[in-house]
Amino acid sequence: MYELLYIVSPAFTDPQVKEVMNKVEALVTGEGGEVKKHDVLTKQPLAYPIKKQKHGTYVLMHLTLPPPAILKVERILRLEMGVEILRHMMISMTEVEAQAAFELQPYVYPLSERERPSSPRPRAPRRELPPPPPTVFAPKMSVEELDKKLDEILKDDTLENI
């Protein structure tokens, strides 16, 4: 027993999705398989764009298929039905797994509204910073006084280095 999950392009309406489902069913039965379950799960946004599409219709099928036909079915889904089906995955499963209920969880974008908590987190109390030290202003000097002081400093440096 196998499980086939495939994503139909959002370009297809609901009746067209049913037609795609019928094509997949015909493909499986044409290869000697039997469809046990075939359901549309949901329409939802994809986790990342596939073939420049951001949404898709998820369809789940439980089927039995002879082992040699598996590769042929997957090749046809990938190559010939590439316009209708964005992605597909076929896995082997047991009868017990087939009986378990399947539920598809919607993808939640990071930092989206659904992910944020409803009430804001309490903030830690703010620590009081000490006041900055008072700034000391030098007395104002004229340009001539600054030039004179600079000449003295340079003159002293020149004499000491000799």
Protein backbone atom coordinates (compact mmCIF):
# COMPACT_ATOMS: atom_id res chain seq x y z
CA MET A 1 0.00 0.00 0.00
CA TYR A 2 1.25 3.47 -0.87
CA GLU A 3 0.38 7.03 0.00
CA LEU A 4 0.59 9.69 -2.69
CA LEU A 5 0.43 13.33 -1.69
CA TYR A 6 0.48 15.88 -4.48
CA ILE A 7 0.01 19.63 -4.78
CA VAL A 8 -2.15 20.95 -7.60
CA SER A 9 -1.34 24.37 -9.06
CA PRO A 10 -3.51 27.29 -7.87
CA ALA A 11 -4.30 28.09 -11.52
CA PHE A 12 -6.88 25.28 -11.41
CA THR A 13 -10.40 25.84 -10.05
CA ASP A 14 -12.20 23.27 -7.89
CA PRO A 15 -13.87 21.49 -10.86
CA GLN A 16 -10.52 21.43 -12.67
CA VAL A 17 -8.85 19.97 -9.55
CA LYS A 18 -11.45 17.18 -9.68
CA GLU A 19 -10.45 16.57 -13.32
CA VAL A 20 -6.78 16.35 -12.31
CA MET A 21 -7.76 13.90 -9.56
CA ASN A 22 -9.64 11.80 -12.13
CA LYS A 23 -6.55 11.81 -14.42
CA VAL A 24 -4.35 10.59 -11.55
CA GLU A 25 -6.90 7.90 -10.65
CA ALA A 26 -7.03 6.77 -14.28
CA LEU A 27 -3.23 6.64 -14.36
CA VAL A 28 -3.10 4.43 -11.26
CA THR A 29 -5.87 2.09 -12.38
CA GLY A 30 -4.37 1.93 -15.88
CA GLU A 31 -1.12 0.60 -14.39
CA GLY A 32 -2.97 -2.15 -12.50
CA GLY A 33 -3.41 -0.33 -9.21
CA GLU A 34 -6.40 0.28 -6.99
CA VAL A 35 -7.36 3.55 -5.28
CA LYS A 36 -8.44 3.10 -1.65
CA LYS A 37 -8.89 6.76 -0.71
CA HIS A 38 -8.62 10.00 -2.68
CA ASP A 39 -9.38 13.30 -0.93
CA VAL A 40 -8.70 17.00 -1.32
CA LEU A 41 -7.10 18.04 1.96
CA THR A 42 -6.90 21.82 1.77
CA LYS A 43 -5.89 24.89 -0.17
CA GLN A 44 -3.13 26.74 1.60
CA PRO A 45 0.03 28.79 1.08
CA LEU A 46 3.22 26.88 0.40
CA ALA A 47 6.21 27.13 2.70
CA TYR A 48 8.27 28.42 -0.22
CA PRO A 49 7.46 29.20 -3.86
CA ILE A 50 7.38 26.20 -6.21
CA LYS A 51 7.46 26.96 -9.95
CA LYS A 52 6.72 30.60 -9.05
CA GLN A 53 3.50 29.59 -7.24
CA LYS A 54 2.84 30.54 -3.62
CA HIS A 55 -0.37 28.54 -3.00
CA GLY A 56 -1.60 25.06 -3.85
CA THR A 57 -4.31 22.46 -3.36
CA TYR A 58 -3.11 19.44 -1.38
CA VAL A 59 -4.56 16.08 -2.48
CA LEU A 60 -4.01 12.77 -0.64
CA MET A 61 -4.41 9.32 -2.21
CA HIS A 62 -4.02 5.87 -0.65
CA LEU A 63 -3.46 3.21 -3.30
CA THR A 64 -2.13 -0.21 -4.06
CA LEU A 65 0.19 -0.56 -7.02
CA PRO A 66 2.46 -3.31 -8.35
CA PRO A 67 6.11 -2.45 -7.63
CA PRO A 68 7.21 -2.19 -11.29
CA ALA A 69 4.51 0.41 -11.97
CA ILE A 70 5.65 2.79 -9.21
CA LEU A 71 8.51 4.30 -11.21
CA LYS A 72 6.33 4.69 -14.29
CA VAL A 73 3.58 6.48 -12.32
CA GLU A 74 6.10 8.81 -10.67
CA ARG A 75 7.71 9.57 -14.04
CA ILE A 76 4.34 10.46 -15.57
CA LEU A 77 3.41 12.63 -12.56
CA ARG A 78 6.73 14.47 -12.82
CA LEU A 79 7.02 14.88 -16.59
CA GLU A 80 3.61 14.66 -18.25
CA MET A 81 1.53 16.21 -15.47
CA GLY A 82 4.10 18.84 -14.51
CA VAL A 83 1.75 21.70 -15.37
CA GLU A 84 -1.07 20.47 -13.14
CA ILE A 85 0.99 19.03 -10.28
CA LEU A 86 3.61 21.23 -8.61
CA ARG A 87 5.12 18.51 -6.38
CA HIS A 88 4.30 14.95 -5.41
CA MET A 89 5.57 12.38 -2.94
CA MET A 90 4.81 8.68 -2.88
CA ILE A 91 5.71 6.63 0.19
CA SER A 92 5.17 3.04 1.23
CA MET A 93 2.90 2.50 4.22
CA THR A 94 1.39 -0.31 6.28
CA GLU A 95 -2.33 -1.01 6.72
CA VAL A 96 -2.16 0.35 10.29
CA GLU A 97 -0.70 3.63 9.06
CA ALA A 98 -3.45 3.85 6.45
CA GLN A 99 -6.10 3.65 9.17
CA ALA A 100 -4.63 6.57 11.14
CA ALA A 101 -6.26 9.94 10.63
CA PHE A 102 -4.26 12.38 8.54
CA GLU A 103 -4.39 16.10 9.23
CA LEU A 104 -2.37 18.69 7.36
CA GLN A 105 -1.11 21.54 9.53
CA PRO A 106 -1.00 24.97 7.89
CA TYR A 107 2.38 26.59 7.55
CA VAL A 108 2.88 29.57 9.86
CA TYR A 109 5.22 32.23 8.55
CA PRO A 110 7.84 33.34 11.08
CA LEU A 111 6.81 36.42 13.07
CA SER A 112 3.28 36.28 11.71
CA GLU A 113 0.20 37.35 13.62
CA ARG A 114 -0.68 33.73 14.45
CA GLU A 115 2.72 33.13 16.01
CA ARG A 116 2.81 36.20 18.24
CA PRO A 117 1.50 35.85 21.77
CA SER A 118 -1.86 37.50 22.39
CA SER A 119 -0.67 39.41 25.44
CA PRO A 120 2.62 41.31 25.46
CA ARG A 121 5.41 39.98 27.62
CA PRO A 122 6.02 41.91 30.83
CA ARG A 123 9.11 44.02 30.51
CA ALA A 124 11.90 44.03 33.03
CA PRO A 125 12.07 47.25 35.09
CA ARG A 126 14.43 49.83 33.68
CA ARG A 127 17.59 50.52 35.60
CA GLU A 128 18.29 54.13 36.40
CA LEU A 129 21.57 55.33 34.96
CA PRO A 130 23.76 57.69 36.99
CA PRO A 131 23.75 61.26 35.74
CA PRO A 132 26.62 62.14 33.42
CA PRO A 133 29.55 64.02 34.97
CA PRO A 134 29.40 67.78 34.55
CA THR A 135 31.32 69.07 31.57
CA VAL A 136 34.09 71.55 32.25
CA PHE A 137 34.45 74.26 29.67
CA ALA A 138 37.84 75.82 29.03
CA PRO A 139 37.96 79.60 29.06
CA LYS A 140 37.46 81.16 25.66
CA MET A 141 40.63 82.30 23.91
CA SER A 142 41.22 84.47 20.94
CA VAL A 143 43.00 83.23 17.83
CA GLU A 144 46.10 85.22 18.69
CA GLU A 145 46.31 83.66 22.14
CA LEU A 146 45.91 80.17 20.67
CA ASP A 147 48.69 80.84 18.12
CA LYS A 148 51.00 82.08 20.86
CA LYS A 149 50.33 79.02 23.03
CA LEU A 150 50.85 76.68 20.09
CA ASP A 151 54.17 78.36 19.24
CA GLU A 152 55.33 77.87 22.83
CA ILE A 153 54.46 74.16 22.80
CA LEU A 154 56.17 73.57 19.47
CA LYS A 155 59.23 75.56 20.48
CA ASP A 156 59.60 73.57 23.72
CA ASP A 157 59.21 70.23 21.87
CA THR A 158 61.81 71.18 19.29
CA LEU A 159 64.42 72.16 21.90
CA GLU A 160 63.90 69.04 24.04
CA ASN A 161 64.31 66.62 21.11
CA ILE A 162 67.66 68.08 20.03
